[in-house]
Amino acid sequence: MPRVLGVSEVKEGLKGLRGWRKKGNFLSKDFHFGDFLGGISFVDKVAKVAEKEEHHPDIHIRYTDVTLDIQTHSEGGITEWDLALARAIDQLGANGKKKETRIAGTRPRKQL
């Protein structure tokens, strides 16, 4: 099993990642999509990477927002496995930028 990384090691590991942050004992990143299905499609891609790596993030979905929290649960903290999974997720190309998507001729709906 990998060992839990110290604060300075996590900080160093975060330098090579885009938008990830340390949140308690987790690596965390928020992604924003133009519509619900964009987020769900992204989650499907993350699930495939997680299965391949045999390491699974906590996934939180709220309409067009997806938050991923990664921790080596068996160790109770952040390990090199978590940094590797974050790098693999970044390779999916999800930039987290909102995109306006709608059917031609329709008006965007207001969020409630």
PDB file of N, CA and C in Angstrom:
ATOM      1  N   MET A   1       0.834  -1.191   0.000  1.00  0.00           N
ATOM      2  CA  MET A   1       0.000   0.000   0.000  1.00  0.00           C
ATOM      3  C   MET A   1       0.877   1.252   0.000  1.00  0.00           C
ATOM      4  N   PRO A   2       0.425   2.284  -0.677  1.00  0.00           N
ATOM      5  CA  PRO A   2       1.188   3.529  -0.671  1.00  0.00           C
ATOM      6  C   PRO A   2       1.035   4.233   0.678  1.00  0.00           C
ATOM      7  N   ARG A   3       1.972   5.091   0.974  1.00  0.00           N
ATOM      8  CA  ARG A   3       1.903   5.836   2.232  1.00  0.00           C
ATOM      9  C   ARG A   3       1.209   7.176   2.016  1.00  0.00           C
ATOM     10  N   VAL A   4       0.610   7.693   3.087  1.00  0.00           N
ATOM     11  CA  VAL A   4      -0.009   9.020   3.042  1.00  0.00           C
ATOM     12  C   VAL A   4       1.096  10.051   2.879  1.00  0.00           C
ATOM     13  N   LEU A   5       0.886  10.972   1.949  1.00  0.00           N
ATOM     14  CA  LEU A   5       1.880  12.016   1.666  1.00  0.00           C
ATOM     15  C   LEU A   5       1.787  13.140   2.688  1.00  0.00           C
ATOM     16  N   GLY A   6       2.917  13.751   2.964  1.00  0.00           N
ATOM     17  CA  GLY A   6       2.943  14.917   3.833  1.00  0.00           C
ATOM     18  C   GLY A   6       2.419  16.150   3.103  1.00  0.00           C
ATOM     19  N   VAL A   7       2.163  17.195   3.855  1.00  0.00           N
ATOM     20  CA  VAL A   7       1.600  18.430   3.290  1.00  0.00           C
ATOM     21  C   VAL A   7       2.478  18.973   2.167  1.00  0.00           C
ATOM     22  N   SER A   8       3.785  19.018   2.376  1.00  0.00           N
ATOM     23  CA  SER A   8       4.673  19.571   1.341  1.00  0.00           C
ATOM     24  C   SER A   8       4.692  18.670   0.104  1.00  0.00           C
ATOM     25  N   GLU A   9       4.571  17.361   0.283  1.00  0.00           N
ATOM     26  CA  GLU A   9       4.537  16.450  -0.871  1.00  0.00           C
ATOM     27  C   GLU A   9       3.256  16.633  -1.678  1.00  0.00           C
ATOM     28  N   VAL A  10       2.147  16.820  -0.987  1.00  0.00           N
ATOM     29  CA  VAL A  10       0.878  17.063  -1.680  1.00  0.00           C
ATOM     30  C   VAL A  10       0.964  18.382  -2.435  1.00  0.00           C
ATOM     31  N   LYS A  11       1.483  19.403  -1.772  1.00  0.00           N
ATOM     32  CA  LYS A  11       1.622  20.716  -2.414  1.00  0.00           C
ATOM     33  C   LYS A  11       2.468  20.613  -3.671  1.00  0.00           C
ATOM     34  N   GLU A  12       3.549  19.869  -3.600  1.00  0.00           N
ATOM     35  CA  GLU A  12       4.426  19.674  -4.764  1.00  0.00           C
ATOM     36  C   GLU A  12       3.686  18.919  -5.863  1.00  0.00           C
ATOM     37  N   GLY A  13       2.940  17.886  -5.495  1.00  0.00           N
ATOM     38  CA  GLY A  13       2.168  17.107  -6.473  1.00  0.00           C
ATOM     39  C   GLY A  13       1.090  17.921  -7.161  1.00  0.00           C
ATOM     40  N   LEU A  14       0.508  18.862  -6.450  1.00  0.00           N
ATOM     41  CA  LEU A  14      -0.541  19.711  -7.024  1.00  0.00           C
ATOM     42  C   LEU A  14      -0.009  20.657  -8.096  1.00  0.00           C
ATOM     43  N   LYS A  15       1.272  20.949  -8.066  1.00  0.00           N
ATOM     44  CA  LYS A  15       1.859  21.861  -9.052  1.00  0.00           C
ATOM     45  C   LYS A  15       1.687  21.351 -10.478  1.00  0.00           C
ATOM     46  N   GLY A  16       1.664  20.058 -10.655  1.00  0.00           N
ATOM     47  CA  GLY A  16       1.530  19.495 -11.988  1.00  0.00           C
ATOM     48  C   GLY A  16       0.092  19.223 -12.404  1.00  0.00           C
ATOM     49  N   LEU A  17      -0.866  19.646 -11.582  1.00  0.00           N
ATOM     50  CA  LEU A  17      -2.278  19.389 -11.870  1.00  0.00           C
ATOM     51  C   LEU A  17      -3.011  20.699 -12.128  1.00  0.00           C
ATOM     52  N   ARG A  18      -4.064  20.614 -12.943  1.00  0.00           N
ATOM     53  CA  ARG A  18      -4.834  21.808 -13.305  1.00  0.00           C
ATOM     54  C   ARG A  18      -6.130  21.883 -12.494  1.00  0.00           C
ATOM     55  N   GLY A  19      -6.208  22.847 -11.574  1.00  0.00           N
ATOM     56  CA  GLY A  19      -7.453  23.114 -10.866  1.00  0.00           C
ATOM     57  C   GLY A  19      -7.725  22.237  -9.655  1.00  0.00           C
ATOM     58  N   TRP A  20      -6.849  21.306  -9.361  1.00  0.00           N
ATOM     59  CA  TRP A  20      -7.045  20.458  -8.188  1.00  0.00           C
ATOM     60  C   TRP A  20      -6.565  21.207  -6.950  1.00  0.00           C
ATOM     61  N   ARG A  21      -7.184  20.892  -5.816  1.00  0.00           N
ATOM     62  CA  ARG A  21      -6.800  21.508  -4.552  1.00  0.00           C
ATOM     63  C   ARG A  21      -6.872  20.460  -3.441  1.00  0.00           C
ATOM     64  N   LYS A  22      -6.205  20.726  -2.355  1.00  0.00           N
ATOM     65  CA  LYS A  22      -6.298  19.869  -1.170  1.00  0.00           C
ATOM     66  C   LYS A  22      -7.493  20.355  -0.374  1.00  0.00           C
ATOM     67  N   LYS A  23      -8.398  19.454  -0.073  1.00  0.00           N
ATOM     68  CA  LYS A  23      -9.577  19.782   0.730  1.00  0.00           C
ATOM     69  C   LYS A  23      -9.651  18.738   1.840  1.00  0.00           C
ATOM     70  N   GLY A  24      -9.152  19.096   3.006  1.00  0.00           N
ATOM     71  CA  GLY A  24      -9.058  18.124   4.094  1.00  0.00           C
ATOM     72  C   GLY A  24      -8.069  17.035   3.706  1.00  0.00           C
ATOM     73  N   ASN A  25      -8.510  15.798   3.770  1.00  0.00           N
ATOM     74  CA  ASN A  25      -7.669  14.662   3.398  1.00  0.00           C
ATOM     75  C   ASN A  25      -7.968  14.165   1.990  1.00  0.00           C
ATOM     76  N   PHE A  26      -8.464  15.042   1.140  1.00  0.00           N
ATOM     77  CA  PHE A  26      -8.828  14.693  -0.232  1.00  0.00           C
ATOM     78  C   PHE A  26      -8.172  15.643  -1.223  1.00  0.00           C
ATOM     79  N   LEU A  27      -7.991  15.165  -2.462  1.00  0.00           N
ATOM     80  CA  LEU A  27      -7.756  16.036  -3.610  1.00  0.00           C
ATOM     81  C   LEU A  27      -9.136  16.312  -4.177  1.00  0.00           C
ATOM     82  N   SER A  28      -9.410  17.547  -4.547  1.00  0.00           N
ATOM     83  CA  SER A  28     -10.748  17.903  -5.013  1.00  0.00           C
ATOM     84  C   SER A  28     -10.666  18.823  -6.228  1.00  0.00           C
ATOM     85  N   LYS A  29     -11.627  18.656  -7.121  1.00  0.00           N
ATOM     86  CA  LYS A  29     -11.716  19.544  -8.282  1.00  0.00           C
ATOM     87  C   LYS A  29     -13.170  19.675  -8.694  1.00  0.00           C
ATOM     88  N   ASP A  30     -13.573  20.895  -9.042  1.00  0.00           N
ATOM     89  CA  ASP A  30     -14.920  21.187  -9.526  1.00  0.00           C
ATOM     90  C   ASP A  30     -14.890  21.334 -11.038  1.00  0.00           C
ATOM     91  N   PHE A  31     -15.872  20.750 -11.686  1.00  0.00           N
ATOM     92  CA  PHE A  31     -16.034  20.846 -13.138  1.00  0.00           C
ATOM     93  C   PHE A  31     -17.415  21.426 -13.418  1.00  0.00           C
ATOM     94  N   HIS A  32     -17.500  22.287 -14.418  1.00  0.00           N
ATOM     95  CA  HIS A  32     -18.765  22.931 -14.772  1.00  0.00           C
ATOM     96  C   HIS A  32     -19.050  22.667 -16.250  1.00  0.00           C
ATOM     97  N   PHE A  33     -20.299  22.301 -16.533  1.00  0.00           N
ATOM     98  CA  PHE A  33     -20.687  21.963 -17.895  1.00  0.00           C
ATOM     99  C   PHE A  33     -21.900  22.784 -18.305  1.00  0.00           C
ATOM    100  N   GLY A  34     -22.090  22.915 -19.594  1.00  0.00           N
ATOM    101  CA  GLY A  34     -23.187  23.717 -20.128  1.00  0.00           C
ATOM    102  C   GLY A  34     -24.547  23.085 -19.951  1.00  0.00           C
ATOM    103  N   ASP A  35     -24.571  21.780 -19.722  1.00  0.00           N
ATOM    104  CA  ASP A  35     -25.845  21.107 -19.504  1.00  0.00           C
ATOM    105  C   ASP A  35     -25.624  19.847 -18.669  1.00  0.00           C
ATOM    106  N   PHE A  36     -26.714  19.289 -18.196  1.00  0.00           N
ATOM    107  CA  PHE A  36     -26.666  18.120 -17.328  1.00  0.00           C
ATOM    108  C   PHE A  36     -25.985  16.940 -18.006  1.00  0.00           C
ATOM    109  N   LEU A  37     -26.348  16.680 -19.251  1.00  0.00           N
ATOM    110  CA  LEU A  37     -25.787  15.518 -19.940  1.00  0.00           C
ATOM    111  C   LEU A  37     -24.295  15.644 -20.198  1.00  0.00           C
ATOM    112  N   GLY A  38     -23.797  16.866 -20.323  1.00  0.00           N
ATOM    113  CA  GLY A  38     -22.352  17.059 -20.453  1.00  0.00           C
ATOM    114  C   GLY A  38     -21.622  16.562 -19.214  1.00  0.00           C
ATOM    115  N   GLY A  39     -22.171  16.872 -18.055  1.00  0.00           N
ATOM    116  CA  GLY A  39     -21.587  16.405 -16.801  1.00  0.00           C
ATOM    117  C   GLY A  39     -21.676  14.896 -16.660  1.00  0.00           C
ATOM    118  N   ILE A  40     -22.807  14.337 -17.050  1.00  0.00           N
ATOM    119  CA  ILE A  40     -22.992  12.886 -16.956  1.00  0.00           C
ATOM    120  C   ILE A  40     -22.045  12.164 -17.910  1.00  0.00           C
ATOM    121  N   SER A  41     -21.855  12.706 -19.099  1.00  0.00           N
ATOM    122  CA  SER A  41     -20.919  12.122 -20.058  1.00  0.00           C
ATOM    123  C   SER A  41     -19.498  12.125 -19.478  1.00  0.00           C
ATOM    124  N   PHE A  42     -19.131  13.227 -18.843  1.00  0.00           N
ATOM    125  CA  PHE A  42     -17.823  13.324 -18.204  1.00  0.00           C
ATOM    126  C   PHE A  42     -17.682  12.279 -17.093  1.00  0.00           C
ATOM    127  N   VAL A  43     -18.715  12.130 -16.268  1.00  0.00           N
ATOM    128  CA  VAL A  43     -18.676  11.152 -15.178  1.00  0.00           C
ATOM    129  C   VAL A  43     -18.488   9.743 -15.739  1.00  0.00           C
ATOM    130  N   ASP A  44     -19.121   9.451 -16.868  1.00  0.00           N
ATOM    131  CA  ASP A  44     -18.959   8.139 -17.502  1.00  0.00           C
ATOM    132  C   ASP A  44     -17.497   7.914 -17.891  1.00  0.00           C
ATOM    133  N   LYS A  45     -16.858   8.951 -18.428  1.00  0.00           N
ATOM    134  CA  LYS A  45     -15.445   8.838 -18.798  1.00  0.00           C
ATOM    135  C   LYS A  45     -14.563   8.648 -17.565  1.00  0.00           C
ATOM    136  N   VAL A  46     -14.876   9.378 -16.501  1.00  0.00           N
ATOM    137  CA  VAL A  46     -14.121   9.243 -15.253  1.00  0.00           C
ATOM    138  C   VAL A  46     -14.275   7.822 -14.707  1.00  0.00           C
ATOM    139  N   ALA A  47     -15.487   7.278 -14.780  1.00  0.00           N
ATOM    140  CA  ALA A  47     -15.735   5.924 -14.282  1.00  0.00           C
ATOM    141  C   ALA A  47     -14.887   4.898 -15.020  1.00  0.00           C
ATOM    142  N   LYS A  48     -14.724   5.067 -16.318  1.00  0.00           N
ATOM    143  CA  LYS A  48     -13.904   4.135 -17.098  1.00  0.00           C
ATOM    144  C   LYS A  48     -12.437   4.219 -16.695  1.00  0.00           C
ATOM    145  N   VAL A  49     -11.941   5.439 -16.477  1.00  0.00           N
ATOM    146  CA  VAL A  49     -10.564   5.612 -16.021  1.00  0.00           C
ATOM    147  C   VAL A  49     -10.398   5.000 -14.630  1.00  0.00           C
ATOM    148  N   ALA A  50     -11.353   5.250 -13.747  1.00  0.00           N
ATOM    149  CA  ALA A  50     -11.286   4.740 -12.378  1.00  0.00           C
ATOM    150  C   ALA A  50     -11.267   3.212 -12.356  1.00  0.00           C
ATOM    151  N   GLU A  51     -12.078   2.587 -13.195  1.00  0.00           N
ATOM    152  CA  GLU A  51     -12.090   1.130 -13.265  1.00  0.00           C
ATOM    153  C   GLU A  51     -10.753   0.596 -13.762  1.00  0.00           C
ATOM    154  N   LYS A  52     -10.206   1.253 -14.769  1.00  0.00           N
ATOM    155  CA  LYS A  52      -8.914   0.828 -15.313  1.00  0.00           C
ATOM    156  C   LYS A  52      -7.816   0.940 -14.252  1.00  0.00           C
ATOM    157  N   GLU A  53      -7.847   2.029 -13.486  1.00  0.00           N
ATOM    158  CA  GLU A  53      -6.837   2.273 -12.463  1.00  0.00           C
ATOM    159  C   GLU A  53      -7.129   1.516 -11.164  1.00  0.00           C
ATOM    160  N   GLU A  54      -8.339   0.962 -11.064  1.00  0.00           N
ATOM    161  CA  GLU A  54      -8.801   0.306  -9.832  1.00  0.00           C
ATOM    162  C   GLU A  54      -8.685   1.238  -8.628  1.00  0.00           C
ATOM    163  N   HIS A  55      -9.062   2.487  -8.863  1.00  0.00           N
ATOM    164  CA  HIS A  55      -9.024   3.520  -7.827  1.00  0.00           C
ATOM    165  C   HIS A  55     -10.166   4.482  -8.144  1.00  0.00           C
ATOM    166  N   HIS A  56     -11.082   4.682  -7.214  1.00  0.00           N
ATOM    167  CA  HIS A  56     -12.348   5.342  -7.513  1.00  0.00           C
ATOM    168  C   HIS A  56     -12.539   6.625  -6.700  1.00  0.00           C
ATOM    169  N   PRO A  57     -12.866   7.723  -7.386  1.00  0.00           N
ATOM    170  CA  PRO A  57     -13.121   8.982  -6.679  1.00  0.00           C
ATOM    171  C   PRO A  57     -14.538   9.006  -6.112  1.00  0.00           C
ATOM    172  N   ASP A  58     -14.748   9.897  -5.159  1.00  0.00           N
ATOM    173  CA  ASP A  58     -16.109  10.230  -4.744  1.00  0.00           C
ATOM    174  C   ASP A  58     -16.610  11.229  -5.782  1.00  0.00           C
ATOM    175  N   ILE A  59     -17.803  11.003  -6.298  1.00  0.00           N
ATOM    176  CA  ILE A  59     -18.352  11.836  -7.369  1.00  0.00           C
ATOM    177  C   ILE A  59     -19.630  12.500  -6.873  1.00  0.00           C
ATOM    178  N   HIS A  60     -19.677  13.814  -6.959  1.00  0.00           N
ATOM    179  CA  HIS A  60     -20.846  14.580  -6.535  1.00  0.00           C
ATOM    180  C   HIS A  60     -21.381  15.323  -7.755  1.00  0.00           C
ATOM    181  N   ILE A  61     -22.646  15.108  -8.063  1.00  0.00           N
ATOM    182  CA  ILE A  61     -23.262  15.738  -9.237  1.00  0.00           C
ATOM    183  C   ILE A  61     -24.375  16.653  -8.754  1.00  0.00           C
ATOM    184  N   ARG A  62     -24.348  17.888  -9.216  1.00  0.00           N
ATOM    185  CA  ARG A  62     -25.423  18.842  -8.941  1.00  0.00           C
ATOM    186  C   ARG A  62     -25.713  19.599 -10.229  1.00  0.00           C
ATOM    187  N   TYR A  63     -26.697  19.101 -10.958  1.00  0.00           N
ATOM    188  CA  TYR A  63     -27.134  19.654 -12.236  1.00  0.00           C
ATOM    189  C   TYR A  63     -25.964  19.735 -13.216  1.00  0.00           C
ATOM    190  N   THR A  64     -25.395  20.907 -13.449  1.00  0.00           N
ATOM    191  CA  THR A  64     -24.309  21.042 -14.432  1.00  0.00           C
ATOM    192  C   THR A  64     -22.931  21.057 -13.783  1.00  0.00           C
ATOM    193  N   ASP A  65     -22.876  20.813 -12.483  1.00  0.00           N
ATOM    194  CA  ASP A  65     -21.610  20.836 -11.750  1.00  0.00           C
ATOM    195  C   ASP A  65     -21.260  19.434 -11.260  1.00  0.00           C
ATOM    196  N   VAL A  66     -20.005  19.070 -11.436  1.00  0.00           N
ATOM    197  CA  VAL A  66     -19.492  17.785 -10.958  1.00  0.00           C
ATOM    198  C   VAL A  66     -18.267  18.082 -10.102  1.00  0.00           C
ATOM    199  N   THR A  67     -18.225  17.514  -8.914  1.00  0.00           N
ATOM    200  CA  THR A  67     -17.059  17.626  -8.042  1.00  0.00           C
ATOM    201  C   THR A  67     -16.494  16.234  -7.827  1.00  0.00           C
ATOM    202  N   LEU A  68     -15.190  16.116  -8.002  1.00  0.00           N
ATOM    203  CA  LEU A  68     -14.495  14.867  -7.743  1.00  0.00           C
ATOM    204  C   LEU A  68     -13.628  15.049  -6.508  1.00  0.00           C
ATOM    205  N   ASP A  69     -13.725  14.105  -5.579  1.00  0.00           N
ATOM    206  CA  ASP A  69     -12.880  14.067  -4.396  1.00  0.00           C
ATOM    207  C   ASP A  69     -12.150  12.736  -4.418  1.00  0.00           C
ATOM    208  N   ILE A  70     -10.827  12.794  -4.291  1.00  0.00           N
ATOM    209  CA  ILE A  70     -10.014  11.590  -4.380  1.00  0.00           C
ATOM    210  C   ILE A  70      -9.217  11.420  -3.089  1.00  0.00           C
ATOM    211  N   GLN A  71      -9.265  10.205  -2.573  1.00  0.00           N
ATOM    212  CA  GLN A  71      -8.501   9.844  -1.385  1.00  0.00           C
ATOM    213  C   GLN A  71      -8.260   8.344  -1.437  1.00  0.00           C
ATOM    214  N   THR A  72      -7.128   7.903  -0.935  1.00  0.00           N
ATOM    215  CA  THR A  72      -6.919   6.471  -0.757  1.00  0.00           C
ATOM    216  C   THR A  72      -7.603   6.122   0.560  1.00  0.00           C
ATOM    217  N   HIS A  73      -8.848   5.669   0.448  1.00  0.00           N
ATOM    218  CA  HIS A  73      -9.686   5.465   1.627  1.00  0.00           C
ATOM    219  C   HIS A  73      -9.041   4.521   2.636  1.00  0.00           C
ATOM    220  N   SER A  74      -8.379   3.466   2.156  1.00  0.00           N
ATOM    221  CA  SER A  74      -7.764   2.501   3.065  1.00  0.00           C
ATOM    222  C   SER A  74      -6.658   3.127   3.905  1.00  0.00           C
ATOM    223  N   GLU A  75      -6.070   4.226   3.407  1.00  0.00           N
ATOM    224  CA  GLU A  75      -4.986   4.902   4.127  1.00  0.00           C
ATOM    225  C   GLU A  75      -5.473   6.154   4.854  1.00  0.00           C
ATOM    226  N   GLY A  76      -6.685   6.610   4.525  1.00  0.00           N
ATOM    227  CA  GLY A  76      -7.249   7.778   5.200  1.00  0.00           C
ATOM    228  C   GLY A  76      -6.618   9.095   4.816  1.00  0.00           C
ATOM    229  N   GLY A  77      -6.014   9.148   3.631  1.00  0.00           N
ATOM    230  CA  GLY A  77      -5.379  10.391   3.204  1.00  0.00           C
ATOM    231  C   GLY A  77      -4.964  10.327   1.753  1.00  0.00           C
ATOM    232  N   ILE A  78      -4.195  11.326   1.359  1.00  0.00           N
ATOM    233  CA  ILE A  78      -3.757  11.473  -0.027  1.00  0.00           C
ATOM    234  C   ILE A  78      -2.443  10.716  -0.213  1.00  0.00           C
ATOM    235  N   THR A  79      -2.430   9.871  -1.243  1.00  0.00           N
ATOM    236  CA  THR A  79      -1.227   9.117  -1.585  1.00  0.00           C
ATOM    237  C   THR A  79      -0.858   9.400  -3.038  1.00  0.00           C
ATOM    238  N   GLU A  80       0.229   8.812  -3.482  1.00  0.00           N
ATOM    239  CA  GLU A  80       0.639   8.954  -4.878  1.00  0.00           C
ATOM    240  C   GLU A  80      -0.434   8.397  -5.813  1.00  0.00           C
ATOM    241  N   TRP A  81      -1.185   7.391  -5.378  1.00  0.00           N
ATOM    242  CA  TRP A  81      -2.272   6.847  -6.196  1.00  0.00           C
ATOM    243  C   TRP A  81      -3.286   7.944  -6.542  1.00  0.00           C
ATOM    244  N   ASP A  82      -3.552   8.821  -5.584  1.00  0.00           N
ATOM    245  CA  ASP A  82      -4.539   9.888  -5.805  1.00  0.00           C
ATOM    246  C   ASP A  82      -4.025  10.915  -6.805  1.00  0.00           C
ATOM    247  N   LEU A  83      -2.753  11.265  -6.681  1.00  0.00           N
ATOM    248  CA  LEU A  83      -2.163  12.186  -7.651  1.00  0.00           C
ATOM    249  C   LEU A  83      -2.173  11.575  -9.051  1.00  0.00           C
ATOM    250  N   ALA A  84      -1.885  10.277  -9.149  1.00  0.00           N
ATOM    251  CA  ALA A  84      -1.890   9.600 -10.450  1.00  0.00           C
ATOM    252  C   ALA A  84      -3.282   9.583 -11.051  1.00  0.00           C
ATOM    253  N   LEU A  85      -4.315   9.336 -10.229  1.00  0.00           N
ATOM    254  CA  LEU A  85      -5.684   9.339 -10.743  1.00  0.00           C
ATOM    255  C   LEU A  85      -6.083  10.744 -11.196  1.00  0.00           C
ATOM    256  N   ALA A  86      -5.703  11.765 -10.446  1.00  0.00           N
ATOM    257  CA  ALA A  86      -6.008  13.142 -10.849  1.00  0.00           C
ATOM    258  C   ALA A  86      -5.351  13.462 -12.191  1.00  0.00           C
ATOM    259  N   ARG A  87      -4.112  13.020 -12.380  1.00  0.00           N
ATOM    260  CA  ARG A  87      -3.437  13.244 -13.668  1.00  0.00           C
ATOM    261  C   ARG A  87      -4.172  12.521 -14.793  1.00  0.00           C
ATOM    262  N   ALA A  88      -4.608  11.305 -14.542  1.00  0.00           N
ATOM    263  CA  ALA A  88      -5.338  10.538 -15.567  1.00  0.00           C
ATOM    264  C   ALA A  88      -6.659  11.218 -15.911  1.00  0.00           C
ATOM    265  N   ILE A  89      -7.340  11.752 -14.916  1.00  0.00           N
ATOM    266  CA  ILE A  89      -8.607  12.461 -15.168  1.00  0.00           C
ATOM    267  C   ILE A  89      -8.342  13.726 -15.972  1.00  0.00           C
ATOM    268  N   ASP A  90      -7.273  14.436 -15.665  1.00  0.00           N
ATOM    269  CA  ASP A  90      -6.928  15.636 -16.439  1.00  0.00           C
ATOM    270  C   ASP A  90      -6.676  15.300 -17.906  1.00  0.00           C
ATOM    271  N   GLN A  91      -6.194  14.102 -18.182  1.00  0.00           N
ATOM    272  CA  GLN A  91      -5.944  13.694 -19.570  1.00  0.00           C
ATOM    273  C   GLN A  91      -7.232  13.515 -20.368  1.00  0.00           C
ATOM    274  N   LEU A  92      -8.380  13.462 -19.691  1.00  0.00           N
ATOM    275  CA  LEU A  92      -9.650  13.330 -20.403  1.00  0.00           C
ATOM    276  C   LEU A  92      -9.974  14.579 -21.212  1.00  0.00           C
ATOM    277  N   GLY A  93      -9.319  15.688 -20.879  1.00  0.00           N
ATOM    278  CA  GLY A  93      -9.529  16.906 -21.637  1.00  0.00           C
ATOM    279  C   GLY A  93     -10.694  17.747 -21.158  1.00  0.00           C
ATOM    280  N   ALA A  94     -11.320  17.361 -20.054  1.00  0.00           N
ATOM    281  CA  ALA A  94     -12.421  18.179 -19.520  1.00  0.00           C
ATOM    282  C   ALA A  94     -11.817  19.448 -18.962  1.00  0.00           C
ATOM    283  N   ASN A  95     -12.164  20.567 -19.570  1.00  0.00           N
ATOM    284  CA  ASN A  95     -11.549  21.823 -19.151  1.00  0.00           C
ATOM    285  C   ASN A  95     -12.346  22.531 -18.071  1.00  0.00           C
ATOM    286  N   GLY A  96     -13.529  22.018 -17.765  1.00  0.00           N
ATOM    287  CA  GLY A  96     -14.314  22.627 -16.707  1.00  0.00           C
ATOM    288  C   GLY A  96     -14.908  23.973 -17.068  1.00  0.00           C
ATOM    289  N   LYS A  97     -14.815  24.375 -18.323  1.00  0.00           N
ATOM    290  CA  LYS A  97     -15.398  25.656 -18.726  1.00  0.00           C
ATOM    291  C   LYS A  97     -16.857  25.452 -19.098  1.00  0.00           C
ATOM    292  N   LYS A  98     -17.677  26.408 -18.724  1.00  0.00           N
ATOM    293  CA  LYS A  98     -19.083  26.328 -19.090  1.00  0.00           C
ATOM    294  C   LYS A  98     -19.243  26.587 -20.572  1.00  0.00           C
ATOM    295  N   LYS A  99     -20.083  25.798 -21.183  1.00  0.00           N
ATOM    296  CA  LYS A  99     -20.395  25.990 -22.589  1.00  0.00           C
ATOM    297  C   LYS A  99     -21.905  26.170 -22.706  1.00  0.00           C
ATOM    298  N   GLU A 100     -22.308  27.133 -23.475  1.00  0.00           N
ATOM    299  CA  GLU A 100     -23.741  27.355 -23.690  1.00  0.00           C
ATOM    300  C   GLU A 100     -24.206  26.412 -24.784  1.00  0.00           C
ATOM    301  N   THR A 101     -25.076  25.510 -24.449  1.00  0.00           N
ATOM    302  CA  THR A 101     -25.617  24.588 -25.449  1.00  0.00           C
ATOM    303  C   THR A 101     -27.132  24.665 -25.396  1.00  0.00           C
ATOM    304  N   ARG A 102     -27.738  24.780 -26.555  1.00  0.00           N
ATOM    305  CA  ARG A 102     -29.198  24.782 -26.626  1.00  0.00           C
ATOM    306  C   ARG A 102     -29.624  24.465 -28.039  1.00  0.00           C
ATOM    307  N   ILE A 103     -30.856  24.045 -28.155  1.00  0.00           N
ATOM    308  CA  ILE A 103     -31.416  23.732 -29.464  1.00  0.00           C
ATOM    309  C   ILE A 103     -31.637  25.039 -30.209  1.00  0.00           C
ATOM    310  N   ALA A 104     -31.291  25.056 -31.484  1.00  0.00           N
ATOM    311  CA  ALA A 104     -31.448  26.270 -32.294  1.00  0.00           C
ATOM    312  C   ALA A 104     -32.879  26.787 -32.205  1.00  0.00           C
ATOM    313  N   GLY A 105     -33.012  28.085 -32.015  1.00  0.00           N
ATOM    314  CA  GLY A 105     -34.321  28.715 -31.981  1.00  0.00           C
ATOM    315  C   GLY A 105     -34.979  28.710 -30.612  1.00  0.00           C
ATOM    316  N   THR A 106     -34.315  28.162 -29.603  1.00  0.00           N
ATOM    317  CA  THR A 106     -34.896  28.168 -28.259  1.00  0.00           C
ATOM    318  C   THR A 106     -34.158  29.161 -27.399  1.00  0.00           C
ATOM    319  N   ARG A 107     -34.825  29.587 -26.363  1.00  0.00           N
ATOM    320  CA  ARG A 107     -34.189  30.480 -25.413  1.00  0.00           C
ATOM    321  C   ARG A 107     -33.632  29.672 -24.254  1.00  0.00           C
ATOM    322  N   PRO A 108     -32.499  30.092 -23.695  1.00  0.00           N
ATOM    323  CA  PRO A 108     -31.973  29.370 -22.540  1.00  0.00           C
ATOM    324  C   PRO A 108     -32.941  29.486 -21.370  1.00  0.00           C
ATOM    325  N   ARG A 109     -33.093  28.404 -20.630  1.00  0.00           N
ATOM    326  CA  ARG A 109     -33.967  28.426 -19.471  1.00  0.00           C
ATOM    327  C   ARG A 109     -33.266  29.093 -18.292  1.00  0.00           C
ATOM    328  N   LYS A 110     -34.044  29.721 -17.453  1.00  0.00           N
ATOM    329  CA  LYS A 110     -33.498  30.310 -16.245  1.00  0.00           C
ATOM    330  C   LYS A 110     -33.344  29.203 -15.206  1.00  0.00           C
ATOM    331  N   GLN A 111     -32.240  29.255 -14.471  1.00  0.00           N
ATOM    332  CA  GLN A 111     -32.071  28.291 -13.395  1.00  0.00           C
ATOM    333  C   GLN A 111     -32.955  28.690 -12.234  1.00  0.00           C
ATOM    334  N   LEU A 112     -33.505  27.695 -11.587  1.00  0.00           N
ATOM    335  CA  LEU A 112     -34.370  27.961 -10.434  1.00  0.00           C
ATOM    336  C   LEU A 112     -33.571  28.214  -9.191  1.00  0.00           C
TER     337      LEU A 112
END
